[in-house]
Amino acid sequence: MSRKLISFDWAMKKLLRSKANFEILEGFLSELLKDNIQILDVLESESNKEDGQDKFNRVDFKVKNCNGEIVIIEVQYERELDYLQRILFGTSKVITEHLEKGDPYSKVVKVISVNILYFDLGQGKDYVYYGATNFQGLHDQDTLKLSRSQKKIYNKNRIYEIFPEYYLIKVNNFNDIAKDTLDEWIYFLKNEEIKSDFKAKGLKKAQQELNVLKLPEKERLAYERYQDDLHYQSSMVESSYGVGREEGREEGREEGREEGREEQKIEIAINLLKADMLDVKTIAEMTELTLKEIKALKI
């Protein structure tokens, strides 16, 4: 048995900032990162600021874990062609924000970017993608490793652990079959429901705390308006994208037809020139080509 719960993005905006609910976010990150994640603090980010300009198509959240790593979590609804550059900018910005003036580069913070996407980004069948930085030899094909002294300075064992890591969760690609505990979380992200047999970390707490019926009436009404706006914006984006795509196809077909007509005119003009029966002016009138174009074919 399952029941409708508050969506994860709304929970990030309103409920998960409280230390009492850190267990929910810790559970999600632990299942995704395959580690026992503990959150020390919620850090300042765009969506953490309470103002009247809350965006409906995006929610971002920034936390610091017990390993001193900063995790950026973003929920994104709107299709963006440059989204990959955006997450690169986001991690770079966090790195510079958390490096004090005069600090050595060894103090650069580790950043993990977790992106929950409700649109299709790129081409790929999977629903969870992971990206990291490694250096491979061009000749011997070996992977560059940290020296003993570097491991001590960075407090890391492998090079990729120094650089930002990226997770892309393409929610709509998930087929609703939960094969492991991470899938149980993705099922919740997609359906806003938690099945009674789910055992993933944090989901039990989420089931208790994210019940729509537990919201005060004012917050429940605000949540319903938020959901309505999301559905409306999603429809508008899909409609615009669909219309644009169809217009593009029609424009392409028309361009193809026009190119075909132009090629046909040129072919007729060439044949008439070869026959040497008509003057250039007459051929131009018959084919609707210019005198200059006909003369160029004659050469």
Protein backbone atom coordinates (compact mmCIF):
# COMPACT_ATOMS: atom_id res chain seq x y z
CA MET A 1 0.00 0.00 0.00
CA SER A 2 1.20 3.52 -0.79
CA ARG A 3 -0.07 7.03 -0.28
CA LYS A 4 0.43 10.45 -1.85
CA LEU A 5 3.18 12.49 -0.26
CA ILE A 6 4.62 15.97 -0.59
CA SER A 7 6.93 16.20 -3.59
CA PHE A 8 10.66 16.14 -2.86
CA ASP A 9 11.26 19.63 -4.26
CA TRP A 10 8.60 21.16 -2.02
CA ALA A 11 10.08 19.32 0.92
CA MET A 12 13.49 20.81 0.03
CA LYS A 13 11.97 24.29 -0.04
CA LYS A 14 10.00 24.02 3.17
CA LEU A 15 10.73 21.00 5.39
CA LEU A 16 14.21 19.57 4.89
CA ARG A 17 16.02 22.64 6.20
CA SER A 18 15.05 21.59 9.71
CA LYS A 19 17.61 19.39 11.50
CA ALA A 20 14.70 17.29 12.69
CA ASN A 21 14.23 16.19 9.06
CA PHE A 22 17.88 15.79 8.05
CA GLU A 23 17.35 12.03 8.25
CA ILE A 24 15.24 12.16 5.07
CA LEU A 25 17.88 13.93 3.00
CA GLU A 26 20.67 11.87 4.57
CA GLY A 27 18.84 8.72 3.54
CA PHE A 28 18.53 9.82 -0.08
CA LEU A 29 22.19 10.85 -0.32
CA SER A 30 23.36 7.69 1.44
CA GLU A 31 21.55 5.48 -1.04
CA LEU A 32 22.76 7.51 -4.03
CA LEU A 33 26.39 7.92 -2.96
CA LYS A 34 26.66 4.44 -1.39
CA ASP A 35 27.98 5.94 1.83
CA ASN A 36 26.70 6.72 5.30
CA ILE A 37 26.04 10.43 4.79
CA GLN A 38 25.51 12.74 7.74
CA ILE A 39 24.51 16.36 7.18
CA LEU A 40 26.16 18.99 9.34
CA ASP A 41 24.42 22.06 8.03
CA VAL A 42 22.25 23.58 5.31
CA LEU A 43 24.26 26.25 3.49
CA GLU A 44 23.07 29.38 1.74
CA SER A 45 21.87 28.85 -1.82
CA GLU A 46 19.39 30.52 -4.13
CA SER A 47 16.42 28.43 -3.05
CA ASN A 48 17.32 28.69 0.64
CA LYS A 49 16.50 32.40 0.54
CA GLU A 50 12.91 33.08 1.49
CA ASP A 51 11.51 35.64 -0.93
CA GLY A 52 8.56 36.19 -3.22
CA GLN A 53 10.45 35.19 -6.33
CA ASP A 54 10.59 31.43 -5.74
CA LYS A 55 10.98 29.71 -9.08
CA PHE A 56 8.59 26.86 -9.86
CA ASN A 57 10.73 25.16 -12.46
CA ARG A 58 13.85 24.75 -10.32
CA VAL A 59 14.79 24.15 -6.70
CA ASP A 60 18.36 24.00 -5.49
CA PHE A 61 19.71 23.00 -2.10
CA LYS A 62 23.21 22.98 -0.65
CA VAL A 63 24.41 20.96 2.34
CA LYS A 64 27.69 20.11 4.02
CA ASN A 65 28.29 16.54 5.14
CA CYS A 66 30.45 15.16 7.94
CA ASN A 67 33.36 14.64 5.50
CA GLY A 68 33.53 18.37 4.78
CA GLU A 69 32.11 17.81 1.30
CA ILE A 70 29.51 20.16 -0.14
CA VAL A 71 26.58 18.55 -1.90
CA ILE A 72 24.45 20.57 -4.30
CA ILE A 73 21.03 19.08 -4.95
CA GLU A 74 18.93 20.54 -7.74
CA VAL A 75 15.46 19.64 -8.92
CA GLN A 76 14.84 20.88 -12.46
CA TYR A 77 11.62 20.72 -14.46
CA GLU A 78 12.29 22.98 -17.42
CA ARG A 79 14.17 21.77 -20.50
CA GLU A 80 17.52 23.56 -20.90
CA LEU A 81 19.91 22.77 -23.76
CA ASP A 82 22.87 24.25 -21.87
CA TYR A 83 22.13 22.46 -18.60
CA LEU A 84 25.45 20.58 -18.57
CA GLN A 85 27.36 23.87 -18.70
CA ARG A 86 25.09 25.16 -15.98
CA ILE A 87 25.97 22.42 -13.53
CA LEU A 88 29.65 22.95 -14.35
CA PHE A 89 29.22 26.64 -13.54
CA GLY A 90 27.38 25.75 -10.34
CA THR A 91 30.16 23.53 -9.00
CA SER A 92 32.82 26.05 -10.00
CA LYS A 93 30.95 28.81 -8.20
CA VAL A 94 30.70 26.78 -5.01
CA ILE A 95 34.43 26.05 -5.12
CA THR A 96 35.35 29.73 -5.42
CA GLU A 97 32.82 30.79 -2.78
CA HIS A 98 34.32 28.44 -0.22
CA LEU A 99 38.00 29.17 -0.83
CA GLU A 100 39.18 31.95 1.45
CA LYS A 101 41.55 34.59 0.09
CA GLY A 102 45.13 33.44 0.58
CA ASP A 103 44.19 29.78 1.14
CA PRO A 104 46.33 27.19 -0.69
CA TYR A 105 44.61 25.19 -3.43
CA SER A 106 44.74 22.15 -1.18
CA LYS A 107 41.83 23.79 0.67
CA VAL A 108 39.54 23.58 -2.36
CA VAL A 109 36.28 22.00 -1.22
CA LYS A 110 34.99 18.76 -2.66
CA VAL A 111 31.66 19.29 -4.45
CA ILE A 112 29.09 16.68 -5.41
CA SER A 113 26.38 17.82 -7.81
CA VAL A 114 23.12 15.85 -7.66
CA ASN A 115 20.61 16.75 -10.37
CA ILE A 116 17.05 15.44 -10.30
CA LEU A 117 15.70 16.05 -13.80
CA TYR A 118 12.08 15.88 -14.91
CA PHE A 119 12.97 16.31 -18.59
CA ASP A 120 15.09 14.39 -21.08
CA LEU A 121 18.69 15.59 -21.05
CA GLY A 122 20.86 14.33 -23.89
CA GLN A 123 20.53 10.86 -25.40
CA GLY A 124 20.61 7.82 -23.14
CA LYS A 125 18.36 5.02 -21.93
CA ASP A 126 19.51 4.88 -18.30
CA TYR A 127 17.91 6.91 -15.53
CA VAL A 128 21.00 7.52 -13.36
CA TYR A 129 24.25 8.83 -14.85
CA TYR A 130 27.51 9.49 -13.02
CA GLY A 131 30.43 11.68 -14.08
CA ALA A 132 33.90 12.11 -12.55
CA THR A 133 37.38 13.31 -13.56
CA ASN A 134 40.22 10.87 -14.23
CA PHE A 135 43.48 11.21 -16.15
CA GLN A 136 44.48 8.38 -18.47
CA GLY A 137 47.83 7.94 -20.20
CA LEU A 138 47.75 8.39 -23.96
CA HIS A 139 50.47 5.81 -24.53
CA ASP A 140 50.38 3.28 -21.70
CA GLN A 141 46.64 3.73 -20.97
CA ASP A 142 47.38 3.80 -17.22
CA THR A 143 45.34 5.92 -14.80
CA LEU A 144 47.21 8.69 -12.99
CA LYS A 145 47.29 8.16 -9.22
CA LEU A 146 48.02 10.36 -6.23
CA SER A 147 51.42 10.12 -4.60
CA ARG A 148 51.72 9.26 -0.92
CA SER A 149 52.37 12.91 0.03
CA GLN A 150 49.42 14.10 -2.08
CA LYS A 151 47.12 11.63 -0.34
CA LYS A 152 48.19 13.13 2.96
CA ILE A 153 47.74 16.75 1.84
CA TYR A 154 44.38 16.24 0.13
CA ASN A 155 43.13 13.56 2.52
CA LYS A 156 41.99 11.65 -0.56
CA ASN A 157 43.06 8.33 -2.04
CA ARG A 158 42.14 8.82 -5.68
CA ILE A 159 42.34 11.78 -8.05
CA TYR A 160 38.65 11.81 -8.97
CA GLU A 161 37.84 12.39 -5.29
CA ILE A 162 39.42 15.85 -5.50
CA PHE A 163 37.32 17.04 -8.43
CA PRO A 164 33.57 17.61 -8.56
CA GLU A 165 31.40 14.55 -9.13
CA TYR A 166 28.08 14.67 -10.94
CA TYR A 167 24.91 12.62 -10.71
CA LEU A 168 22.11 13.03 -13.24
CA ILE A 169 18.82 11.35 -12.29
CA LYS A 170 16.47 11.32 -15.28
CA VAL A 171 13.30 10.62 -13.34
CA ASN A 172 11.01 10.13 -16.34
CA ASN A 173 13.24 7.34 -17.69
CA PHE A 174 12.58 5.21 -14.61
CA ASN A 175 10.24 2.29 -15.36
CA ASP A 176 8.69 2.17 -11.85
CA ILE A 177 10.30 -1.21 -11.06
CA ALA A 178 12.38 -0.81 -7.90
CA LYS A 179 15.27 -3.28 -8.06
CA ASP A 180 17.26 -1.80 -5.16
CA THR A 181 17.03 0.82 -2.43
CA LEU A 182 18.13 3.67 -4.72
CA ASP A 183 15.32 2.70 -7.09
CA GLU A 184 12.91 2.97 -4.16
CA TRP A 185 13.95 6.59 -3.74
CA ILE A 186 13.61 7.28 -7.46
CA TYR A 187 10.15 5.73 -7.39
CA PHE A 188 9.24 8.26 -4.70
CA LEU A 189 10.79 11.12 -6.69
CA LYS A 190 8.70 10.17 -9.71
CA ASN A 191 5.40 9.16 -8.11
CA GLU A 192 5.36 10.96 -4.73
CA GLU A 193 4.48 7.61 -3.18
CA ILE A 194 6.32 5.15 -0.93
CA LYS A 195 5.31 1.50 -1.03
CA SER A 196 4.88 -0.31 2.27
CA ASP A 197 7.69 -2.79 1.52
CA PHE A 198 10.31 -0.12 0.70
CA LYS A 199 13.32 -0.25 3.00
CA ALA A 200 15.65 2.50 1.72
CA LYS A 201 17.24 4.82 4.26
CA GLY A 202 15.17 7.91 4.97
CA LEU A 203 11.96 6.71 3.35
CA LYS A 204 10.31 5.67 6.61
CA LYS A 205 10.90 9.15 8.00
CA ALA A 206 9.72 10.67 4.71
CA GLN A 207 6.51 8.65 4.89
CA GLN A 208 5.86 10.04 8.36
CA GLU A 209 6.78 13.66 7.74
CA LEU A 210 5.84 14.31 4.13
CA ASN A 211 2.16 13.49 4.39
CA VAL A 212 0.15 16.19 2.61
CA LEU A 213 -2.58 15.88 5.22
CA LYS A 214 -0.15 16.89 7.97
CA LEU A 215 0.42 20.31 6.43
CA PRO A 216 -1.29 23.29 8.05
CA GLU A 217 -4.14 24.51 5.86
CA LYS A 218 -2.23 27.61 4.69
CA GLU A 219 0.78 25.52 3.64
CA ARG A 220 -1.42 22.86 2.06
CA LEU A 221 -3.14 25.46 -0.10
CA ALA A 222 0.23 26.96 -1.04
CA TYR A 223 1.46 23.47 -1.96
CA GLU A 224 -1.61 22.84 -4.12
CA ARG A 225 -1.04 26.16 -5.93
CA TYR A 226 2.60 25.21 -6.40
CA GLN A 227 1.60 21.86 -7.94
CA ASP A 228 -0.93 23.54 -10.21
CA ASP A 229 1.72 26.00 -11.39
CA LEU A 230 4.13 23.14 -12.06
CA HIS A 231 1.54 21.30 -14.16
CA TYR A 232 0.70 24.49 -16.04
CA GLN A 233 4.34 25.33 -16.75
CA SER A 234 5.04 21.75 -17.76
CA SER A 235 2.14 21.87 -20.22
CA MET A 236 3.30 25.20 -21.61
CA VAL A 237 6.86 23.94 -22.10
CA GLU A 238 5.70 20.71 -23.69
CA SER A 239 3.23 22.56 -25.90
CA SER A 240 5.82 25.10 -27.00
CA TYR A 241 8.40 22.39 -27.57
CA GLY A 242 5.94 20.24 -29.50
CA VAL A 243 4.71 23.13 -31.64
CA GLY A 244 8.26 24.30 -32.26
CA ARG A 245 9.34 20.81 -33.20
CA GLU A 246 6.41 20.41 -35.61
CA GLU A 247 7.05 23.86 -37.10
CA GLY A 248 10.68 22.88 -37.50
CA ARG A 249 9.72 19.69 -39.30
CA GLU A 250 7.32 21.57 -41.57
CA GLU A 251 9.95 24.23 -42.25
CA GLY A 252 12.43 21.49 -43.08
CA ARG A 253 9.95 19.82 -45.44
CA GLU A 254 9.25 23.14 -47.14
CA GLU A 255 12.96 23.86 -47.48
CA GLY A 256 13.43 20.41 -48.95
CA ARG A 257 10.64 20.97 -51.46
CA GLU A 258 12.08 24.36 -52.40
CA GLU A 259 15.55 22.88 -52.89
CA GLY A 260 14.02 20.15 -55.04
CA ARG A 261 12.22 22.70 -57.22
CA GLU A 262 15.42 24.72 -57.61
CA GLU A 263 17.40 21.65 -58.66
CA GLN A 264 14.69 20.78 -61.17
CA LYS A 265 14.84 24.27 -62.71
CA ILE A 266 18.62 24.02 -63.05
CA GLU A 267 18.38 20.58 -64.67
CA ILE A 268 15.83 21.83 -67.23
CA ALA A 269 17.99 24.86 -67.98
CA ILE A 270 21.06 22.68 -68.53
CA ASN A 271 19.18 20.40 -70.94
CA LEU A 272 17.82 23.38 -72.92
CA LEU A 273 21.32 24.87 -73.16
CA LYS A 274 22.67 21.55 -74.41
CA ALA A 275 19.95 21.37 -77.05
CA ASP A 276 21.03 24.85 -78.22
CA MET A 277 17.53 25.59 -79.53
CA LEU A 278 16.57 28.60 -77.38
CA ASP A 279 18.30 31.82 -76.39
CA VAL A 280 19.35 32.54 -72.82
CA LYS A 281 16.56 35.04 -72.20
CA THR A 282 13.86 32.56 -73.23
CA ILE A 283 15.35 29.81 -71.04
CA ALA A 284 15.44 32.23 -68.08
CA GLU A 285 11.76 33.06 -68.58
CA MET A 286 10.80 29.38 -68.84
CA THR A 287 12.74 28.25 -65.77
CA GLU A 288 12.28 31.43 -63.68
CA LEU A 289 16.07 31.54 -63.21
CA THR A 290 17.96 34.81 -63.63
CA LEU A 291 20.04 35.61 -66.71
CA LYS A 292 23.13 35.55 -64.52
CA GLU A 293 22.29 32.03 -63.29
CA ILE A 294 21.67 30.80 -66.84
CA LYS A 295 24.95 32.28 -68.09
CA ALA A 296 26.80 30.64 -65.21
CA LEU A 297 25.35 27.25 -66.25
CA LYS A 298 26.35 27.91 -69.84
CA ILE A 299 29.99 28.25 -68.78
